[in-house]
Every structure is written in structure tokens, then in C-alpha cells.
Amino acid sequence: MPLADVLNDSGEDPAEALAAAGTAVRLAPDRPAVHVTLGTTLAVSGRRREAQDAFRTALRFDPQYAPAHHGLARLAAQDRN
């Protein structure tokens, strides 16, 4: 499990989770999973537009990547509520 996911789940400082996710993207920019982790971290931090961008970036690398589709769907569902 990526460090950013652990930090997100723990409820600790969101800035630390964002830093970890940003580092993951910098180190492995072509991996959809790191963009999904970044998107999830941004969504938890209330940065929804940036979260959408991160999920869409993951889909550019793998259009069938289910976690990215799930992240976008969660954001869309929240928008409807």
C-alpha cells in the first residue's frame, strides 16, 4: 500500500499525504496507480478539480484502469449530492 494511502486512511496531516503522492508521481510518472493515489489524496483534501485531473491522467496511461474510473465516479456522485 502506498504511503500516501496509509496517510489518507490514518486521518493524519493531509499535507504529508500530498507530499508523498507528489513524490510518487515524480518518481513513476507513467504509472496509473500513482496518479490515482494523488487523485484520492487531492479529493480527501477538498481539491476536487485537481483530483479529477489526476484521475484523467491515470486514464491516459491506461484507459481501462478501473481505480481511476472509480475515483471519477465517486467525485461525480458527490457532485450530485
PDB file of N, CA and C in Angstrom:
ATOM      1  N   MET A   1       0.849  -1.178   0.000  1.00  0.00           N
ATOM      2  CA  MET A   1       0.000   0.000   0.000  1.00  0.00           C
ATOM      3  C   MET A   1       0.895   1.242   0.000  1.00  0.00           C
ATOM      4  N   PRO A   2       0.646   2.188  -0.911  1.00  0.00           N
ATOM      5  CA  PRO A   2       1.459   3.395  -0.958  1.00  0.00           C
ATOM      6  C   PRO A   2       1.336   4.226   0.322  1.00  0.00           C
ATOM      7  N   LEU A   3       2.431   4.895   0.656  1.00  0.00           N
ATOM      8  CA  LEU A   3       2.466   5.710   1.870  1.00  0.00           C
ATOM      9  C   LEU A   3       1.344   6.734   1.889  1.00  0.00           C
ATOM     10  N   ALA A   4       1.073   7.372   0.760  1.00  0.00           N
ATOM     11  CA  ALA A   4       0.006   8.378   0.721  1.00  0.00           C
ATOM     12  C   ALA A   4      -1.338   7.761   1.090  1.00  0.00           C
ATOM     13  N   ASP A   5      -1.595   6.522   0.663  1.00  0.00           N
ATOM     14  CA  ASP A   5      -2.843   5.848   1.028  1.00  0.00           C
ATOM     15  C   ASP A   5      -2.916   5.608   2.529  1.00  0.00           C
ATOM     16  N   VAL A   6      -1.806   5.195   3.108  1.00  0.00           N
ATOM     17  CA  VAL A   6      -1.754   4.966   4.561  1.00  0.00           C
ATOM     18  C   VAL A   6      -2.042   6.272   5.285  1.00  0.00           C
ATOM     19  N   LEU A   7      -1.413   7.354   4.839  1.00  0.00           N
ATOM     20  CA  LEU A   7      -1.624   8.649   5.480  1.00  0.00           C
ATOM     21  C   LEU A   7      -3.060   9.130   5.293  1.00  0.00           C
ATOM     22  N   ASN A   8      -3.631   8.914   4.107  1.00  0.00           N
ATOM     23  CA  ASN A   8      -5.035   9.281   3.883  1.00  0.00           C
ATOM     24  C   ASN A   8      -5.945   8.542   4.846  1.00  0.00           C
ATOM     25  N   ASP A   9      -5.723   7.236   4.980  1.00  0.00           N
ATOM     26  CA  ASP A   9      -6.571   6.405   5.832  1.00  0.00           C
ATOM     27  C   ASP A   9      -6.413   6.735   7.314  1.00  0.00           C
ATOM     28  N   SER A  10      -5.247   7.233   7.694  1.00  0.00           N
ATOM     29  CA  SER A  10      -4.980   7.493   9.103  1.00  0.00           C
ATOM     30  C   SER A  10      -5.612   8.790   9.586  1.00  0.00           C
ATOM     31  N   GLY A  11      -5.952   9.659   8.644  1.00  0.00           N
ATOM     32  CA  GLY A  11      -6.514  10.946   9.045  1.00  0.00           C
ATOM     33  C   GLY A  11      -5.455  11.932   9.515  1.00  0.00           C
ATOM     34  N   GLU A  12      -4.207  11.592   9.299  1.00  0.00           N
ATOM     35  CA  GLU A  12      -3.120  12.487   9.696  1.00  0.00           C
ATOM     36  C   GLU A  12      -3.059  13.686   8.749  1.00  0.00           C
ATOM     37  N   ASP A  13      -2.043  14.482   8.905  1.00  0.00           N
ATOM     38  CA  ASP A  13      -1.842  15.710   8.148  1.00  0.00           C
ATOM     39  C   ASP A  13      -1.962  15.469   6.642  1.00  0.00           C
ATOM     40  N   PRO A  14      -2.968  16.074   5.975  1.00  0.00           N
ATOM     41  CA  PRO A  14      -3.136  15.868   4.546  1.00  0.00           C
ATOM     42  C   PRO A  14      -1.949  16.383   3.721  1.00  0.00           C
ATOM     43  N   ALA A  15      -1.245  17.374   4.233  1.00  0.00           N
ATOM     44  CA  ALA A  15      -0.095  17.896   3.501  1.00  0.00           C
ATOM     45  C   ALA A  15       0.983  16.826   3.358  1.00  0.00           C
ATOM     46  N   GLU A  16       1.133  16.000   4.370  1.00  0.00           N
ATOM     47  CA  GLU A  16       2.126  14.919   4.306  1.00  0.00           C
ATOM     48  C   GLU A  16       1.715  13.880   3.257  1.00  0.00           C
ATOM     49  N   ALA A  17       0.434  13.576   3.207  1.00  0.00           N
ATOM     50  CA  ALA A  17      -0.059  12.632   2.205  1.00  0.00           C
ATOM     51  C   ALA A  17       0.119  13.202   0.802  1.00  0.00           C
ATOM     52  N   LEU A  18      -0.161  14.494   0.631  1.00  0.00           N
ATOM     53  CA  LEU A  18       0.024  15.132  -0.678  1.00  0.00           C
ATOM     54  C   LEU A  18       1.493  15.119  -1.096  1.00  0.00           C
ATOM     55  N   ALA A  19       2.373  15.363  -0.144  1.00  0.00           N
ATOM     56  CA  ALA A  19       3.806  15.342  -0.459  1.00  0.00           C
ATOM     57  C   ALA A  19       4.236  13.946  -0.896  1.00  0.00           C
ATOM     58  N   ALA A  20       3.767  12.926  -0.196  1.00  0.00           N
ATOM     59  CA  ALA A  20       4.123  11.549  -0.548  1.00  0.00           C
ATOM     60  C   ALA A  20       3.574  11.179  -1.920  1.00  0.00           C
ATOM     61  N   ALA A  21       2.338  11.569  -2.196  1.00  0.00           N
ATOM     62  CA  ALA A  21       1.737  11.269  -3.501  1.00  0.00           C
ATOM     63  C   ALA A  21       2.475  12.014  -4.613  1.00  0.00           C
ATOM     64  N   GLY A  22       2.835  13.260  -4.359  1.00  0.00           N
ATOM     65  CA  GLY A  22       3.579  14.034  -5.348  1.00  0.00           C
ATOM     66  C   GLY A  22       4.937  13.411  -5.648  1.00  0.00           C
ATOM     67  N   THR A  23       5.593  12.909  -4.617  1.00  0.00           N
ATOM     68  CA  THR A  23       6.873  12.235  -4.813  1.00  0.00           C
ATOM     69  C   THR A  23       6.691  10.979  -5.658  1.00  0.00           C
ATOM     70  N   ALA A  24       5.635  10.233  -5.393  1.00  0.00           N
ATOM     71  CA  ALA A  24       5.369   9.015  -6.173  1.00  0.00           C
ATOM     72  C   ALA A  24       5.162   9.348  -7.645  1.00  0.00           C
ATOM     73  N   VAL A  25       4.420  10.407  -7.921  1.00  0.00           N
ATOM     74  CA  VAL A  25       4.193  10.817  -9.316  1.00  0.00           C
ATOM     75  C   VAL A  25       5.504  11.234  -9.963  1.00  0.00           C
ATOM     76  N   ARG A  26       6.335  11.944  -9.223  1.00  0.00           N
ATOM     77  CA  ARG A  26       7.621  12.381  -9.768  1.00  0.00           C
ATOM     78  C   ARG A  26       8.522  11.189 -10.090  1.00  0.00           C
ATOM     79  N   LEU A  27       8.484  10.156  -9.235  1.00  0.00           N
ATOM     80  CA  LEU A  27       9.352   9.000  -9.419  1.00  0.00           C
ATOM     81  C   LEU A  27       8.829   8.002 -10.451  1.00  0.00           C
ATOM     82  N   ALA A  28       7.511   7.935 -10.621  1.00  0.00           N
ATOM     83  CA  ALA A  28       6.921   6.958 -11.548  1.00  0.00           C
ATOM     84  C   ALA A  28       5.771   7.603 -12.321  1.00  0.00           C
ATOM     85  N   PRO A  29       6.079   8.621 -13.120  1.00  0.00           N
ATOM     86  CA  PRO A  29       5.012   9.391 -13.769  1.00  0.00           C
ATOM     87  C   PRO A  29       4.179   8.625 -14.788  1.00  0.00           C
ATOM     88  N   ASP A  30       4.653   7.457 -15.221  1.00  0.00           N
ATOM     89  CA  ASP A  30       3.910   6.692 -16.224  1.00  0.00           C
ATOM     90  C   ASP A  30       3.068   5.578 -15.622  1.00  0.00           C
ATOM     91  N   ARG A  31       2.944   5.543 -14.310  1.00  0.00           N
ATOM     92  CA  ARG A  31       2.151   4.504 -13.646  1.00  0.00           C
ATOM     93  C   ARG A  31       0.786   5.066 -13.233  1.00  0.00           C
ATOM     94  N   PRO A  32      -0.276   4.494 -13.737  1.00  0.00           N
ATOM     95  CA  PRO A  32      -1.610   4.989 -13.396  1.00  0.00           C
ATOM     96  C   PRO A  32      -1.891   4.974 -11.890  1.00  0.00           C
ATOM     97  N   ALA A  33      -1.379   3.992 -11.185  1.00  0.00           N
ATOM     98  CA  ALA A  33      -1.680   3.865  -9.760  1.00  0.00           C
ATOM     99  C   ALA A  33      -1.230   5.081  -8.956  1.00  0.00           C
ATOM    100  N   VAL A  34      -0.088   5.672  -9.311  1.00  0.00           N
ATOM    101  CA  VAL A  34       0.372   6.824  -8.536  1.00  0.00           C
ATOM    102  C   VAL A  34      -0.511   8.041  -8.798  1.00  0.00           C
ATOM    103  N   HIS A  35      -1.057   8.144 -10.003  1.00  0.00           N
ATOM    104  CA  HIS A  35      -1.964   9.255 -10.299  1.00  0.00           C
ATOM    105  C   HIS A  35      -3.297   9.071  -9.569  1.00  0.00           C
ATOM    106  N   VAL A  36      -3.727   7.831  -9.427  1.00  0.00           N
ATOM    107  CA  VAL A  36      -4.950   7.568  -8.662  1.00  0.00           C
ATOM    108  C   VAL A  36      -4.717   7.890  -7.187  1.00  0.00           C
ATOM    109  N   THR A  37      -3.560   7.523  -6.666  1.00  0.00           N
ATOM    110  CA  THR A  37      -3.250   7.861  -5.279  1.00  0.00           C
ATOM    111  C   THR A  37      -3.239   9.374  -5.093  1.00  0.00           C
ATOM    112  N   LEU A  38      -2.628  10.083  -6.031  1.00  0.00           N
ATOM    113  CA  LEU A  38      -2.628  11.544  -5.965  1.00  0.00           C
ATOM    114  C   LEU A  38      -4.060  12.073  -6.038  1.00  0.00           C
ATOM    115  N   GLY A  39      -4.852  11.536  -6.950  1.00  0.00           N
ATOM    116  CA  GLY A  39      -6.239  11.979  -7.077  1.00  0.00           C
ATOM    117  C   GLY A  39      -7.034  11.752  -5.810  1.00  0.00           C
ATOM    118  N   THR A  40      -6.853  10.606  -5.203  1.00  0.00           N
ATOM    119  CA  THR A  40      -7.552  10.306  -3.946  1.00  0.00           C
ATOM    120  C   THR A  40      -7.120  11.271  -2.849  1.00  0.00           C
ATOM    121  N   THR A  41      -5.838  11.532  -2.779  1.00  0.00           N
ATOM    122  CA  THR A  41      -5.307  12.443  -1.768  1.00  0.00           C
ATOM    123  C   THR A  41      -5.841  13.856  -1.987  1.00  0.00           C
ATOM    124  N   LEU A  42      -5.875  14.288  -3.227  1.00  0.00           N
ATOM    125  CA  LEU A  42      -6.421  15.610  -3.530  1.00  0.00           C
ATOM    126  C   LEU A  42      -7.907  15.687  -3.189  1.00  0.00           C
ATOM    127  N   ALA A  43      -8.654  14.628  -3.497  1.00  0.00           N
ATOM    128  CA  ALA A  43     -10.091  14.613  -3.185  1.00  0.00           C
ATOM    129  C   ALA A  43     -10.318  14.701  -1.684  1.00  0.00           C
ATOM    130  N   VAL A  44      -9.544  13.953  -0.910  1.00  0.00           N
ATOM    131  CA  VAL A  44      -9.659  13.992   0.553  1.00  0.00           C
ATOM    132  C   VAL A  44      -9.358  15.399   1.068  1.00  0.00           C
ATOM    133  N   SER A  45      -8.473  16.104   0.376  1.00  0.00           N
ATOM    134  CA  SER A  45      -8.085  17.461   0.776  1.00  0.00           C
ATOM    135  C   SER A  45      -9.045  18.529   0.262  1.00  0.00           C
ATOM    136  N   GLY A  46     -10.089  18.099  -0.451  1.00  0.00           N
ATOM    137  CA  GLY A  46     -11.070  19.040  -0.965  1.00  0.00           C
ATOM    138  C   GLY A  46     -10.679  19.701  -2.278  1.00  0.00           C
ATOM    139  N   ARG A  47      -9.641  19.221  -2.899  1.00  0.00           N
ATOM    140  CA  ARG A  47      -9.164  19.788  -4.161  1.00  0.00           C
ATOM    141  C   ARG A  47      -9.695  18.946  -5.318  1.00  0.00           C
ATOM    142  N   ARG A  48     -10.988  19.046  -5.542  1.00  0.00           N
ATOM    143  CA  ARG A  48     -11.723  18.158  -6.434  1.00  0.00           C
ATOM    144  C   ARG A  48     -11.305  18.298  -7.906  1.00  0.00           C
ATOM    145  N   ARG A  49     -11.132  19.508  -8.382  1.00  0.00           N
ATOM    146  CA  ARG A  49     -10.767  19.694  -9.797  1.00  0.00           C
ATOM    147  C   ARG A  49      -9.395  19.076 -10.072  1.00  0.00           C
ATOM    148  N   GLU A  50      -8.455  19.283  -9.171  1.00  0.00           N
ATOM    149  CA  GLU A  50      -7.138  18.682  -9.329  1.00  0.00           C
ATOM    150  C   GLU A  50      -7.217  17.160  -9.224  1.00  0.00           C
ATOM    151  N   ALA A  51      -8.116  16.677  -8.368  1.00  0.00           N
ATOM    152  CA  ALA A  51      -8.316  15.229  -8.241  1.00  0.00           C
ATOM    153  C   ALA A  51      -8.813  14.651  -9.560  1.00  0.00           C
ATOM    154  N   GLN A  52      -9.785  15.320 -10.176  1.00  0.00           N
ATOM    155  CA  GLN A  52     -10.282  14.869 -11.479  1.00  0.00           C
ATOM    156  C   GLN A  52      -9.161  14.820 -12.502  1.00  0.00           C
ATOM    157  N   ASP A  53      -8.320  15.844 -12.498  1.00  0.00           N
ATOM    158  CA  ASP A  53      -7.193  15.877 -13.444  1.00  0.00           C
ATOM    159  C   ASP A  53      -6.261  14.690 -13.220  1.00  0.00           C
ATOM    160  N   ALA A  54      -5.995  14.361 -11.958  1.00  0.00           N
ATOM    161  CA  ALA A  54      -5.106  13.233 -11.652  1.00  0.00           C
ATOM    162  C   ALA A  54      -5.726  11.908 -12.120  1.00  0.00           C
ATOM    163  N   PHE A  55      -7.021  11.726 -11.879  1.00  0.00           N
ATOM    164  CA  PHE A  55      -7.684  10.501 -12.341  1.00  0.00           C
ATOM    165  C   PHE A  55      -7.658  10.415 -13.870  1.00  0.00           C
ATOM    166  N   ARG A  56      -7.876  11.538 -14.534  1.00  0.00           N
ATOM    167  CA  ARG A  56      -7.841  11.547 -16.004  1.00  0.00           C
ATOM    168  C   ARG A  56      -6.434  11.267 -16.530  1.00  0.00           C
ATOM    169  N   THR A  57      -5.435  11.745 -15.826  1.00  0.00           N
ATOM    170  CA  THR A  57      -4.054  11.437 -16.220  1.00  0.00           C
ATOM    171  C   THR A  57      -3.811   9.937 -16.142  1.00  0.00           C
ATOM    172  N   ALA A  58      -4.295   9.302 -15.085  1.00  0.00           N
ATOM    173  CA  ALA A  58      -4.152   7.842 -14.965  1.00  0.00           C
ATOM    174  C   ALA A  58      -4.792   7.149 -16.161  1.00  0.00           C
ATOM    175  N   LEU A  59      -5.938   7.641 -16.597  1.00  0.00           N
ATOM    176  CA  LEU A  59      -6.640   7.019 -17.724  1.00  0.00           C
ATOM    177  C   LEU A  59      -5.925   7.247 -19.052  1.00  0.00           C
ATOM    178  N   ARG A  60      -5.142   8.295 -19.149  1.00  0.00           N
ATOM    179  CA  ARG A  60      -4.347   8.479 -20.373  1.00  0.00           C
ATOM    180  C   ARG A  60      -3.292   7.381 -20.500  1.00  0.00           C
ATOM    181  N   PHE A  61      -2.779   6.913 -19.367  1.00  0.00           N
ATOM    182  CA  PHE A  61      -1.794   5.836 -19.394  1.00  0.00           C
ATOM    183  C   PHE A  61      -2.449   4.470 -19.573  1.00  0.00           C
ATOM    184  N   ASP A  62      -3.651   4.314 -19.019  1.00  0.00           N
ATOM    185  CA  ASP A  62      -4.377   3.041 -19.144  1.00  0.00           C
ATOM    186  C   ASP A  62      -5.873   3.339 -19.138  1.00  0.00           C
ATOM    187  N   PRO A  63      -6.476   3.451 -20.320  1.00  0.00           N
ATOM    188  CA  PRO A  63      -7.895   3.811 -20.416  1.00  0.00           C
ATOM    189  C   PRO A  63      -8.842   2.851 -19.700  1.00  0.00           C
ATOM    190  N   GLN A  64      -8.393   1.649 -19.395  1.00  0.00           N
ATOM    191  CA  GLN A  64      -9.247   0.667 -18.723  1.00  0.00           C
ATOM    192  C   GLN A  64      -8.979   0.580 -17.217  1.00  0.00           C
ATOM    193  N   TYR A  65      -8.163   1.467 -16.681  1.00  0.00           N
ATOM    194  CA  TYR A  65      -7.747   1.362 -15.285  1.00  0.00           C
ATOM    195  C   TYR A  65      -8.930   1.659 -14.354  1.00  0.00           C
ATOM    196  N   ALA A  66      -9.496   0.613 -13.799  1.00  0.00           N
ATOM    197  CA  ALA A  66     -10.725   0.709 -13.006  1.00  0.00           C
ATOM    198  C   ALA A  66     -10.630   1.673 -11.825  1.00  0.00           C
ATOM    199  N   PRO A  67      -9.530   1.697 -11.061  1.00  0.00           N
ATOM    200  CA  PRO A  67      -9.488   2.634  -9.929  1.00  0.00           C
ATOM    201  C   PRO A  67      -9.636   4.101 -10.348  1.00  0.00           C
ATOM    202  N   ALA A  68      -9.139   4.451 -11.520  1.00  0.00           N
ATOM    203  CA  ALA A  68      -9.300   5.829 -11.994  1.00  0.00           C
ATOM    204  C   ALA A  68     -10.758   6.108 -12.351  1.00  0.00           C
ATOM    205  N   HIS A  69     -11.398   5.155 -13.008  1.00  0.00           N
ATOM    206  CA  HIS A  69     -12.829   5.309 -13.309  1.00  0.00           C
ATOM    207  C   HIS A  69     -13.636   5.412 -12.022  1.00  0.00           C
ATOM    208  N   HIS A  70     -13.271   4.612 -11.040  1.00  0.00           N
ATOM    209  CA  HIS A  70     -13.970   4.631  -9.753  1.00  0.00           C
ATOM    210  C   HIS A  70     -13.799   5.991  -9.070  1.00  0.00           C
ATOM    211  N   GLY A  71     -12.592   6.526  -9.106  1.00  0.00           N
ATOM    212  CA  GLY A  71     -12.354   7.835  -8.495  1.00  0.00           C
ATOM    213  C   GLY A  71     -13.184   8.925  -9.140  1.00  0.00           C
ATOM    214  N   LEU A  72     -13.249   8.923 -10.464  1.00  0.00           N
ATOM    215  CA  LEU A  72     -14.075   9.909 -11.168  1.00  0.00           C
ATOM    216  C   LEU A  72     -15.553   9.723 -10.843  1.00  0.00           C
ATOM    217  N   ALA A  73     -15.987   8.479 -10.768  1.00  0.00           N
ATOM    218  CA  ALA A  73     -17.395   8.203 -10.451  1.00  0.00           C
ATOM    219  C   ALA A  73     -17.741   8.673  -9.040  1.00  0.00           C
ATOM    220  N   ARG A  74     -16.833   8.464  -8.102  1.00  0.00           N
ATOM    221  CA  ARG A  74     -17.082   8.932  -6.723  1.00  0.00           C
ATOM    222  C   ARG A  74     -17.221  10.445  -6.688  1.00  0.00           C
ATOM    223  N   LEU A  75     -16.349  11.152  -7.403  1.00  0.00           N
ATOM    224  CA  LEU A  75     -16.434  12.600  -7.436  1.00  0.00           C
ATOM    225  C   LEU A  75     -17.759  13.053  -8.078  1.00  0.00           C
ATOM    226  N   ALA A  76     -18.144  12.396  -9.157  1.00  0.00           N
ATOM    227  CA  ALA A  76     -19.407  12.747  -9.824  1.00  0.00           C
ATOM    228  C   ALA A  76     -20.593  12.495  -8.910  1.00  0.00           C
ATOM    229  N   ALA A  77     -20.563  11.399  -8.173  1.00  0.00           N
ATOM    230  CA  ALA A  77     -21.660  11.087  -7.246  1.00  0.00           C
ATOM    231  C   ALA A  77     -21.738  12.141  -6.137  1.00  0.00           C
ATOM    232  N   GLN A  78     -20.607  12.588  -5.664  1.00  0.00           N
ATOM    233  CA  GLN A  78     -20.589  13.618  -4.625  1.00  0.00           C
ATOM    234  C   GLN A  78     -21.126  14.928  -5.164  1.00  0.00           C
ATOM    235  N   ASP A  79     -20.861  15.219  -6.436  1.00  0.00           N
ATOM    236  CA  ASP A  79     -21.368  16.436  -7.056  1.00  0.00           C
ATOM    237  C   ASP A  79     -22.893  16.438  -7.128  1.00  0.00           C
ATOM    238  N   ARG A  80     -23.482  15.248  -7.294  1.00  0.00           N
ATOM    239  CA  ARG A  80     -24.941  15.139  -7.387  1.00  0.00           C
ATOM    240  C   ARG A  80     -25.620  15.277  -6.031  1.00  0.00           C
ATOM    241  N   ASN A  81     -24.882  15.076  -4.964  1.00  0.00           N
ATOM    242  CA  ASN A  81     -25.487  15.155  -3.622  1.00  0.00           C
ATOM    243  C   ASN A  81     -25.401  16.524  -3.036  1.00  0.00           C
TER     244      ASN A  81
END
